Amino acid sequence: MTRRVTLPLAAVGLAAVLAVAARQLPDAKPPTGNVRDHGAKGDGAADDWKAIQSAVDAGTGIVHLPPGTYRITKPVVIDLAKVGFTAVRGEGSRVVMAGDGPAFRFVGTHAGTAAPATVKDAVWAKERMPTLDGVEVVGAHETADGVEATGTMQLTITRVLVRKCRHGIRLTGRNRNVTISDCHVYENRGVGIYLDAVNLHQINVTGCHVSYNDDGGVVCRAGQVRNLQITGCDIESNQGVNRPPTANVLVDSTGGSNAEVAITGCTIQHNHTAAGGANIRVKGPSANPVKTTDELRDGHVTITGNVVSDVKVNVHLEHARGVVIAGNTFWTAYEHNLLAEHCAAVTVGPNNFDRNPRYAGEEKPDTANAIVFRDCRDCTLTGFTLTGTRAAPAGLTLERCDRFNVGNLTILDCDGVGLLLKDVTHSRVGGCLVRDDRAGAKGVSVRAAGGRGNMIVGNHLGRPTDIAKDIGLVERNHETRP
């Protein structure tokens, strides 16, 4: 038997009133990623860290920083596995990092490679393509950094300015498929864009201005990096006073393995007052790549279509393999336009290594502009023009080198010796034009001593030669005088 429960009339009336009121109440306010809704002031005085972190933790997908100056004292951590896909977007908004560490730290869980099969579903669902866009980060602490990322998949940093920090953009741990584009990384105490002992495949640095960073511009040190493209950037004056030698672009495999690098279409210049400084420095592991039994994957670097000038050494290769240098214009190298030491399989094609009269007031008489290969093997030098080497033993020097093919070079108006071969073996020099037509010139076109098994054949030489008789085959060289 079913019993019926009868409510008092007053209770029924109250329930009806409450039901109607509930239907008339506005819906609860949805979570928002606008940092102002979380209490951020944006006045440059208040500590807005808690508000910005709260906006990130709301997990809305977009964290919006309206125009303003947001002072923070702790890193804003974007823990992607926790909050899901996140894009931090500003409108020229300024973030002042007044504490230790990065203003923004992106943390992911991707442990695979760049291959689709290694990317877990959870990464695609919650962590893909974390983004930072339209924000300026200014350091106001000795160890403040701009941006740091680890464990990310498809990190994208665009239209970001970082200045007066320690490091600008720093990648650590493991990341894959990184894009850094249209950014300004300027006047930082450490490294501009820092690949710091990171395991990373596929990174594009495109259309960026990286300048006046005291410990280097784009620096890849230790770690395991493959497929680094630096394209269409202006990279200048990235070595501070009294700092250890670094470079505007440094790829250093000491303690790691880095390879497959393309540096294309950039202006890379300054600062010639920095001791040991270079525009591009590629340093392989300490094992000697001259030994044909060594299996060295480090290197495979292309340097093409760049404008490179005004440092101690324009390009420095050390223990590198598989480097191609072509289509660049070089000038004002106070020590070397190109210095290669303990390298193998280097190809130097058509380039212009110049001494431009336009810069005569800046380029001092002791600016060398020399090219030196030392303890290298299996290299090809072809089709480039070298002009006006000063204060150096020769325009082009090959020292203790083996199996070089040197052809169709133009070496003009160099002090001392045009082409110098010291203890070179099993190499060929042919089809070169070596002249010094300056009034009163007393130099030597080609000097060769101490080697064996060479061919010096079919060159046009405008000064006397000094070639040892046991050097190899020497014939059909046309010697003329100015």
Protein backbone atom coordinates (compact mmCIF):
# COMPACT_ATOMS: atom_id res chain seq x y z
CA MET A 1 0.00 0.00 0.00
CA THR A 2 1.46 3.35 -1.01
CA ARG A 3 1.40 6.08 1.57
CA ARG A 4 0.94 9.67 0.42
CA VAL A 5 2.92 12.41 2.12
CA THR A 6 1.03 15.66 2.35
CA LEU A 7 3.05 18.83 2.99
CA PRO A 8 1.50 21.66 4.90
CA LEU A 9 0.13 24.41 2.68
CA ALA A 10 2.71 26.89 3.94
CA ALA A 11 5.60 24.59 3.05
CA VAL A 12 4.26 24.06 -0.45
CA GLY A 13 3.99 27.80 -0.95
CA LEU A 14 7.56 28.42 0.22
CA ALA A 15 8.97 25.72 -2.10
CA ALA A 16 7.20 27.26 -5.08
CA VAL A 17 8.54 30.70 -4.29
CA LEU A 18 12.10 29.39 -3.98
CA ALA A 19 11.84 27.52 -7.29
CA VAL A 20 10.67 30.65 -9.11
CA ALA A 21 13.44 32.73 -7.51
CA ALA A 22 16.08 30.20 -8.53
CA ARG A 23 14.91 30.36 -12.13
CA GLN A 24 15.15 34.15 -12.07
CA LEU A 25 18.69 34.28 -10.63
CA PRO A 26 21.42 35.03 -13.23
CA ASP A 27 23.74 32.17 -14.17
CA ALA A 28 27.01 31.90 -12.20
CA LYS A 29 29.83 33.94 -13.75
CA PRO A 30 32.08 31.67 -15.85
CA PRO A 31 35.82 31.52 -15.19
CA THR A 32 37.79 34.28 -16.90
CA GLY A 33 41.39 34.57 -18.03
CA ASN A 34 41.48 38.36 -17.81
CA VAL A 35 44.03 39.13 -15.11
CA ARG A 36 42.09 42.23 -14.06
CA ASP A 37 39.15 40.02 -13.09
CA HIS A 38 41.50 38.22 -10.72
CA GLY A 39 42.59 41.41 -9.01
CA ALA A 40 45.60 42.54 -11.05
CA LYS A 41 46.19 46.28 -10.78
CA GLY A 42 48.59 46.81 -13.67
CA ASP A 43 49.89 49.97 -12.05
CA GLY A 44 53.56 48.96 -11.80
CA ALA A 45 53.48 49.17 -8.00
CA ALA A 46 51.29 46.35 -6.69
CA ASP A 47 52.52 42.75 -6.77
CA ASP A 48 50.29 41.23 -9.45
CA TRP A 49 51.81 37.74 -9.32
CA LYS A 50 48.94 36.13 -7.42
CA ALA A 51 46.34 37.60 -9.77
CA ILE A 52 48.14 36.50 -12.93
CA GLN A 53 48.80 33.03 -11.51
CA SER A 54 45.11 32.79 -10.59
CA ALA A 55 44.14 33.70 -14.17
CA VAL A 56 46.44 30.94 -15.45
CA ASP A 57 45.08 28.40 -12.98
CA ALA A 58 41.50 29.19 -14.04
CA GLY A 59 42.27 27.06 -17.10
CA THR A 60 40.29 29.12 -19.61
CA GLY A 61 42.83 28.66 -22.43
CA ILE A 62 43.59 32.37 -22.83
CA VAL A 63 45.24 34.55 -20.23
CA HIS A 64 44.68 38.18 -21.19
CA LEU A 65 46.90 41.02 -19.96
CA PRO A 66 45.21 44.31 -20.88
CA PRO A 67 47.51 47.32 -21.36
CA GLY A 68 49.36 48.14 -18.18
CA THR A 69 52.51 47.45 -16.17
CA TYR A 70 52.29 44.29 -14.09
CA ARG A 71 54.91 43.92 -11.39
CA ILE A 72 55.50 40.35 -10.17
CA THR A 73 57.87 38.84 -7.62
CA LYS A 74 57.57 35.13 -8.49
CA PRO A 75 57.51 33.17 -11.75
CA VAL A 76 54.10 32.71 -13.31
CA VAL A 77 54.03 28.94 -13.85
CA ILE A 78 51.97 27.56 -16.71
CA ASP A 79 51.70 23.90 -15.69
CA LEU A 80 50.11 22.59 -18.85
CA ALA A 81 49.11 19.18 -17.52
CA LYS A 82 47.19 20.96 -14.77
CA VAL A 83 45.65 23.97 -16.52
CA GLY A 84 45.43 22.73 -20.10
CA PHE A 85 46.23 24.58 -23.30
CA THR A 86 47.22 28.14 -22.46
CA ALA A 87 47.99 31.20 -24.54
CA VAL A 88 49.24 34.23 -22.62
CA ARG A 89 48.40 37.31 -24.66
CA GLY A 90 49.15 40.93 -24.06
CA GLU A 91 48.55 44.17 -25.88
CA GLY A 92 52.01 45.62 -25.58
CA SER A 93 51.61 44.90 -21.89
CA ARG A 94 54.66 45.19 -19.64
CA VAL A 95 55.58 42.63 -17.01
CA VAL A 96 58.27 43.70 -14.55
CA MET A 97 60.00 40.68 -13.02
CA ALA A 98 61.11 41.83 -9.57
CA GLY A 99 62.03 38.37 -8.28
CA ASP A 100 64.31 35.42 -8.99
CA GLY A 101 63.70 33.23 -12.04
CA PRO A 102 61.67 33.64 -15.22
CA ALA A 103 58.64 35.87 -15.46
CA PHE A 104 56.86 33.03 -17.32
CA ARG A 105 57.74 29.36 -16.90
CA PHE A 106 56.04 26.89 -19.24
CA VAL A 107 56.09 23.31 -17.95
CA GLY A 108 54.88 20.36 -20.01
CA THR A 109 55.12 16.58 -19.82
CA HIS A 110 56.06 15.72 -23.41
CA ALA A 111 58.77 13.04 -23.26
CA GLY A 112 58.61 11.81 -26.86
CA THR A 113 60.27 12.97 -30.03
CA ALA A 114 58.82 15.10 -32.81
CA ALA A 115 57.31 12.02 -34.45
CA PRO A 116 53.50 11.93 -34.17
CA ALA A 117 53.43 8.40 -32.79
CA THR A 118 55.44 9.49 -29.74
CA VAL A 119 53.05 12.28 -28.72
CA LYS A 120 50.58 11.08 -26.10
CA ASP A 121 46.88 11.90 -26.42
CA ALA A 122 47.03 13.89 -23.20
CA VAL A 123 49.62 16.21 -24.74
CA TRP A 124 47.42 16.89 -27.76
CA ALA A 125 44.40 17.36 -25.51
CA LYS A 126 45.90 19.70 -22.92
CA GLU A 127 49.45 20.81 -23.76
CA ARG A 128 49.84 21.48 -27.46
CA MET A 129 51.26 24.79 -28.64
CA PRO A 130 51.57 26.86 -25.46
CA THR A 131 51.87 30.49 -26.54
CA LEU A 132 53.24 33.79 -25.31
CA ASP A 133 52.38 36.80 -27.47
CA GLY A 134 52.44 40.59 -27.31
CA VAL A 135 54.18 40.98 -23.95
CA GLU A 136 57.23 42.94 -22.78
CA VAL A 137 59.28 41.49 -19.90
CA VAL A 138 61.63 43.84 -18.02
CA GLY A 139 64.00 42.51 -15.39
CA ALA A 140 64.13 44.26 -12.02
CA HIS A 141 66.14 41.60 -10.16
CA GLU A 142 69.70 40.35 -10.58
CA THR A 143 68.59 36.82 -11.50
CA ALA A 144 65.34 37.66 -13.27
CA ASP A 145 64.84 35.87 -16.59
CA GLY A 146 62.30 36.49 -19.31
CA VAL A 147 60.81 33.15 -20.38
CA GLU A 148 61.72 29.54 -19.56
CA ALA A 149 60.27 26.33 -20.96
CA THR A 150 60.71 22.62 -20.35
CA GLY A 151 58.75 19.59 -21.51
CA THR A 152 56.77 21.51 -24.11
CA MET A 153 55.44 20.48 -27.48
CA GLN A 154 55.13 23.26 -30.10
CA LEU A 155 56.00 26.18 -27.83
CA THR A 156 55.29 29.40 -29.74
CA ILE A 157 56.73 32.76 -28.65
CA THR A 158 55.80 35.73 -30.82
CA ARG A 159 55.98 39.54 -30.61
CA VAL A 160 57.74 39.42 -27.24
CA LEU A 161 60.29 41.94 -25.96
CA VAL A 162 62.68 40.89 -23.19
CA ARG A 163 65.19 43.37 -21.78
CA LYS A 164 67.31 44.04 -18.72
CA CYS A 165 66.93 40.43 -17.56
CA ARG A 166 69.59 37.80 -17.03
CA HIS A 167 68.63 35.39 -19.83
CA GLY A 168 65.98 36.36 -22.36
CA ILE A 169 64.37 33.12 -23.55
CA ARG A 170 65.75 29.91 -22.04
CA LEU A 171 64.93 26.32 -23.01
CA THR A 172 65.89 23.54 -20.61
CA GLY A 173 65.28 19.83 -20.14
CA ARG A 174 63.41 18.57 -23.20
CA ASN A 175 61.30 20.44 -25.75
CA ARG A 176 60.10 19.77 -29.29
CA ASN A 177 59.02 21.92 -32.26
CA VAL A 178 59.70 25.40 -30.90
CA THR A 179 58.95 28.62 -32.80
CA ILE A 180 60.39 31.98 -31.72
CA SER A 181 59.44 34.73 -34.16
CA ASP A 182 59.18 38.51 -34.41
CA CYS A 183 60.76 39.00 -30.99
CA HIS A 184 63.17 41.55 -29.57
CA VAL A 185 65.68 40.17 -27.08
CA TYR A 186 67.68 43.20 -26.09
CA GLU A 187 70.17 44.35 -23.46
CA ASN A 188 70.19 41.37 -21.13
CA ARG A 189 73.03 40.42 -18.79
CA GLY A 190 73.21 36.80 -19.86
CA VAL A 191 72.23 35.04 -23.09
CA GLY A 192 69.55 36.30 -25.45
CA ILE A 193 68.05 33.01 -26.68
CA TYR A 194 69.57 30.18 -24.66
CA LEU A 195 69.37 26.50 -25.54
CA ASP A 196 70.76 25.42 -22.20
CA ALA A 197 71.75 21.72 -22.17
CA VAL A 198 68.38 21.02 -23.75
CA ASN A 199 67.23 17.95 -25.67
CA LEU A 200 65.48 19.64 -28.57
CA HIS A 201 64.62 18.83 -32.15
CA GLN A 202 63.08 21.38 -34.52
CA ILE A 203 63.43 25.03 -33.49
CA ASN A 204 62.91 28.03 -35.74
CA VAL A 205 64.21 31.46 -34.72
CA THR A 206 62.79 33.80 -37.35
CA GLY A 207 62.63 37.55 -37.86
CA CYS A 208 64.04 38.41 -34.45
CA HIS A 209 66.26 41.22 -33.21
CA VAL A 210 68.79 39.81 -30.72
CA SER A 211 71.26 42.43 -29.55
CA TYR A 212 73.38 43.66 -26.62
CA ASN A 213 73.14 40.48 -24.58
CA ASP A 214 76.35 40.18 -22.59
CA ASP A 215 76.89 36.39 -22.76
CA GLY A 216 75.86 35.72 -26.34
CA GLY A 217 73.00 36.17 -28.78
CA VAL A 218 71.66 32.76 -29.83
CA VAL A 219 73.58 30.20 -27.77
CA CYS A 220 73.25 26.42 -28.00
CA ARG A 221 75.43 24.84 -25.33
CA ALA A 222 75.78 21.15 -24.38
CA GLY A 223 72.54 19.20 -24.69
CA GLN A 224 71.32 17.45 -27.82
CA VAL A 225 69.91 19.81 -30.44
CA ARG A 226 68.98 18.97 -34.01
CA ASN A 227 67.35 21.15 -36.66
CA LEU A 228 68.08 24.68 -35.47
CA GLN A 229 67.12 27.30 -38.05
CA ILE A 230 68.10 30.95 -37.55
CA THR A 231 66.59 32.94 -40.40
CA GLY A 232 66.09 36.59 -41.24
CA CYS A 233 67.37 37.91 -37.92
CA ASP A 234 69.45 40.91 -36.88
CA ILE A 235 71.98 39.66 -34.31
CA GLU A 236 74.46 42.24 -33.02
CA SER A 237 76.88 43.13 -30.20
CA ASN A 238 76.20 40.15 -27.99
CA GLN A 239 79.30 40.20 -25.81
CA GLY A 240 79.72 42.45 -22.82
CA VAL A 241 82.86 44.06 -21.46
CA ASN A 242 85.16 41.72 -19.51
CA ARG A 243 83.05 38.65 -20.34
CA PRO A 244 84.41 35.23 -21.38
CA PRO A 245 84.65 34.80 -25.16
CA THR A 246 81.31 34.06 -26.74
CA ALA A 247 79.57 34.77 -30.05
CA ASN A 248 76.54 36.34 -31.63
CA VAL A 249 75.65 32.77 -32.64
CA LEU A 250 77.31 29.98 -30.66
CA VAL A 251 76.82 26.25 -31.18
CA ASP A 252 78.99 24.50 -28.58
CA SER A 253 78.80 20.72 -28.30
CA THR A 254 81.16 20.44 -25.35
CA GLY A 255 79.39 17.99 -23.06
CA GLY A 256 76.68 17.33 -25.63
CA SER A 257 75.90 16.80 -29.31
CA ASN A 258 74.42 19.50 -31.55
CA ALA A 259 74.00 19.34 -35.31
CA GLU A 260 71.88 20.22 -38.34
CA VAL A 261 71.97 24.00 -38.11
CA ALA A 262 71.03 26.55 -40.78
CA ILE A 263 72.00 30.21 -40.39
CA THR A 264 70.52 32.07 -43.33
CA GLY A 265 69.65 35.59 -44.40
CA CYS A 266 70.81 37.37 -41.24
CA THR A 267 72.89 40.41 -40.42
CA ILE A 268 75.38 39.31 -37.77
CA GLN A 269 77.75 42.01 -36.57
CA HIS A 270 79.76 43.65 -33.79
CA ASN A 271 81.54 43.96 -31.26
CA HIS A 272 85.21 44.08 -32.27
CA THR A 273 86.35 45.33 -28.86
CA ALA A 274 85.35 42.03 -27.18
CA ALA A 275 88.37 39.78 -26.69
CA GLY A 276 87.90 36.42 -28.37
CA GLY A 277 84.52 37.39 -29.74
CA ALA A 278 83.05 35.90 -32.91
CA ASN A 279 80.01 36.39 -35.03
CA ILE A 280 79.45 32.66 -35.59
CA ARG A 281 81.29 30.03 -33.56
CA VAL A 282 80.71 26.30 -34.07
CA LYS A 283 82.54 24.10 -31.60
CA GLY A 284 82.31 20.34 -31.83
CA PRO A 285 83.36 17.78 -29.22
CA SER A 286 87.02 17.61 -28.27
CA ALA A 287 87.60 14.36 -30.19
CA ASN A 288 89.66 15.06 -33.28
CA PRO A 289 87.46 14.91 -36.41
CA VAL A 290 90.58 14.55 -38.58
CA LYS A 291 90.60 10.86 -37.68
CA THR A 292 88.54 9.10 -40.31
CA THR A 293 87.56 6.41 -37.81
CA ASP A 294 85.67 8.87 -35.64
CA GLU A 295 81.91 8.79 -35.99
CA LEU A 296 80.99 12.40 -35.34
CA ARG A 297 77.50 13.66 -36.06
CA ASP A 298 78.17 17.11 -34.68
CA GLY A 299 78.18 19.80 -37.30
CA HIS A 300 76.27 19.68 -40.58
CA VAL A 301 75.93 23.45 -40.53
CA THR A 302 74.92 25.73 -43.40
CA ILE A 303 75.89 29.41 -43.26
CA THR A 304 74.48 31.18 -46.29
CA GLY A 305 73.22 34.55 -47.45
CA ASN A 306 74.35 36.50 -44.40
CA VAL A 307 76.05 39.87 -43.87
CA VAL A 308 78.84 39.33 -41.33
CA SER A 309 81.27 41.93 -39.95
CA ASP A 310 83.07 43.84 -37.21
CA VAL A 311 84.36 41.33 -34.66
CA LYS A 312 87.66 39.59 -33.90
CA VAL A 313 86.63 36.48 -35.89
CA ASN A 314 83.72 36.44 -38.29
CA VAL A 315 83.37 32.63 -38.40
CA HIS A 316 85.24 30.27 -36.08
CA LEU A 317 84.97 26.51 -36.62
CA GLU A 318 86.59 24.21 -34.06
CA HIS A 319 86.28 20.40 -34.15
CA ALA A 320 83.39 20.79 -36.59
CA ARG A 321 82.35 18.57 -39.48
CA GLY A 322 80.15 19.01 -42.51
CA VAL A 323 80.00 22.81 -42.67
CA VAL A 324 79.00 24.73 -45.82
CA ILE A 325 79.70 28.47 -46.10
CA ALA A 326 78.40 30.14 -49.27
CA GLY A 327 76.82 33.31 -50.55
CA ASN A 328 77.83 35.55 -47.64
CA THR A 329 79.57 38.90 -47.52
CA PHE A 330 82.27 39.37 -44.85
CA TRP A 331 84.38 42.33 -43.83
CA THR A 332 86.17 44.01 -40.90
CA ALA A 333 87.43 40.91 -39.12
CA TYR A 334 90.13 42.18 -36.80
CA GLU A 335 91.80 38.76 -36.66
CA HIS A 336 90.16 36.26 -39.04
CA ASN A 337 87.36 36.30 -41.53
CA LEU A 338 87.36 32.53 -41.19
CA LEU A 339 89.32 30.39 -38.74
CA ALA A 340 88.93 26.60 -38.97
CA GLU A 341 90.78 24.35 -36.54
CA HIS A 342 90.65 20.53 -36.36
CA CYS A 343 87.77 20.39 -38.84
CA ALA A 344 86.76 18.01 -41.61
CA ALA A 345 84.47 18.12 -44.64
CA VAL A 346 84.16 21.91 -44.77
CA THR A 347 83.06 23.47 -48.06
CA VAL A 348 83.62 27.20 -48.61
CA GLY A 349 82.01 28.35 -51.84
CA PRO A 350 81.41 31.75 -53.44
CA ASN A 351 81.66 34.40 -50.72
CA ASN A 352 83.04 37.91 -50.65
CA PHE A 353 85.73 38.42 -48.00
CA ASP A 354 86.23 42.12 -48.50
CA ARG A 355 88.07 45.17 -47.26
CA ASN A 356 85.53 47.79 -48.22
CA PRO A 357 86.85 51.35 -48.75
CA ARG A 358 83.51 52.60 -47.48
CA TYR A 359 84.67 51.64 -43.97
CA ALA A 360 88.24 52.88 -44.31
CA GLY A 361 87.79 55.29 -41.42
CA GLU A 362 86.65 52.47 -39.12
CA GLU A 363 88.74 49.56 -40.37
CA LYS A 364 92.17 50.11 -38.84
CA PRO A 365 95.38 49.22 -40.71
CA ASP A 366 95.92 46.22 -38.42
CA THR A 367 92.51 44.72 -39.26
CA ALA A 368 93.66 41.38 -40.63
CA ASN A 369 90.65 39.84 -42.47
CA ALA A 370 92.68 36.64 -42.88
CA ILE A 371 91.47 33.11 -43.61
CA VAL A 372 93.22 30.22 -41.82
CA PHE A 373 92.69 26.46 -41.92
CA ARG A 374 94.78 24.59 -39.37
CA ASP A 375 94.91 20.82 -38.80
CA CYS A 376 91.95 20.22 -41.12
CA ARG A 377 91.25 17.68 -43.84
CA ASP A 378 88.90 16.82 -46.69
CA CYS A 379 87.83 20.39 -47.45
CA THR A 380 86.89 22.23 -50.63
CA LEU A 381 87.55 25.94 -51.15
CA THR A 382 86.13 27.26 -54.38
CA GLY A 383 85.06 30.46 -56.07
CA PHE A 384 85.41 33.00 -53.29
CA THR A 385 87.08 36.42 -53.40
CA LEU A 386 89.49 37.53 -50.67
CA THR A 387 90.72 41.12 -50.78
CA GLY A 388 93.04 43.27 -48.70
CA THR A 389 94.39 41.12 -45.87
CA ARG A 390 96.67 43.11 -43.58
CA ALA A 391 98.86 42.40 -40.55
CA ALA A 392 98.78 38.64 -41.15
CA PRO A 393 101.27 36.18 -42.65
CA ALA A 394 99.00 35.56 -45.65
CA GLY A 395 95.58 36.14 -47.09
CA LEU A 396 94.79 32.42 -47.06
CA THR A 397 96.82 30.01 -44.94
CA LEU A 398 96.58 26.22 -44.96
CA GLU A 399 98.66 24.71 -42.17
CA ARG A 400 99.05 20.97 -41.52
CA CYS A 401 96.09 20.25 -43.77
CA ASP A 402 95.39 17.16 -45.89
CA ARG A 403 93.25 16.43 -48.96
CA PHE A 404 92.19 19.98 -49.79
CA ASN A 405 90.78 20.94 -53.17
CA VAL A 406 91.43 24.67 -53.71
CA GLY A 407 90.13 26.03 -56.99
CA ASN A 408 89.11 29.20 -58.80
CA LEU A 409 89.82 31.57 -55.93
CA THR A 410 90.48 35.28 -56.36
CA ILE A 411 93.05 36.59 -53.85
CA LEU A 412 93.89 40.25 -54.33
CA ASP A 413 96.15 42.91 -52.81
CA CYS A 414 97.11 41.05 -49.64
CA ASP A 415 100.17 41.98 -47.62
CA GLY A 416 102.94 39.40 -47.37
CA VAL A 417 101.77 36.20 -49.08
CA GLY A 418 98.61 35.65 -51.03
CA LEU A 419 98.36 31.85 -50.50
CA LEU A 420 100.49 30.12 -47.89
CA LEU A 421 100.81 26.33 -47.66
CA LYS A 422 102.63 24.93 -44.60
CA ASP A 423 103.03 21.16 -44.26
CA VAL A 424 100.08 20.53 -46.58
CA THR A 425 99.69 17.05 -48.09
CA HIS A 426 97.74 15.41 -50.92
CA SER A 427 96.07 18.63 -51.99
CA ARG A 428 95.40 20.54 -55.19
CA VAL A 429 95.54 24.26 -56.01
CA GLY A 430 94.32 25.17 -59.47
CA GLY A 431 92.66 27.88 -61.48
CA CYS A 432 93.30 30.64 -58.92
CA LEU A 433 94.02 34.31 -59.53
CA VAL A 434 96.50 35.63 -56.97
CA ARG A 435 97.65 39.20 -57.58
CA ASP A 436 98.86 42.28 -55.75
CA ASP A 437 98.89 45.23 -58.14
CA ARG A 438 99.40 47.97 -55.58
CA ALA A 439 102.27 50.34 -56.24
CA GLY A 440 105.42 49.14 -54.49
CA ALA A 441 103.97 45.74 -53.58
CA LYS A 442 106.68 43.25 -52.64
CA GLY A 443 104.69 40.25 -51.58
CA VAL A 444 104.72 36.64 -52.76
CA SER A 445 101.81 35.07 -54.61
CA VAL A 446 102.23 31.50 -53.36
CA ARG A 447 104.56 30.13 -50.72
CA ALA A 448 104.63 26.39 -50.03
CA ALA A 449 106.98 24.37 -47.85
CA GLY A 450 107.07 21.20 -45.83
CA GLY A 451 104.38 19.24 -47.63
CA ARG A 452 104.25 16.46 -50.18
CA GLY A 453 102.02 14.92 -52.83
CA ASN A 454 100.45 18.21 -53.91
CA MET A 455 99.49 19.78 -57.23
CA ILE A 456 99.87 23.52 -57.84
CA VAL A 457 98.81 23.79 -61.45
CA GLY A 458 97.29 26.33 -63.82
CA ASN A 459 97.15 29.44 -61.65
CA HIS A 460 97.47 33.09 -62.65
CA LEU A 461 100.06 34.64 -60.31
CA GLY A 462 100.91 38.32 -60.23
CA ARG A 463 103.93 38.17 -57.93
CA PRO A 464 106.90 35.79 -57.54
CA THR A 465 106.42 32.39 -55.90
CA ASP A 466 108.34 30.55 -53.19
CA ILE A 467 107.54 26.87 -53.64
CA ALA A 468 109.74 24.07 -52.32
CA LYS A 469 110.86 21.62 -55.00
CA ASP A 470 109.64 18.52 -53.16
CA ILE A 471 106.13 19.88 -52.62
CA GLY A 472 104.67 17.91 -55.54
CA LEU A 473 103.67 18.74 -59.11
CA VAL A 474 104.07 22.44 -59.94
CA GLU A 475 103.45 23.46 -63.55
CA ARG A 476 101.61 25.72 -66.00
CA ASN A 477 101.37 28.60 -63.54
CA HIS A 478 101.38 31.92 -65.36
CA GLU A 479 103.52 34.43 -63.49
CA THR A 480 103.29 38.08 -64.43
CA ARG A 481 104.24 41.38 -62.83
CA PRO A 482 102.06 44.43 -62.17
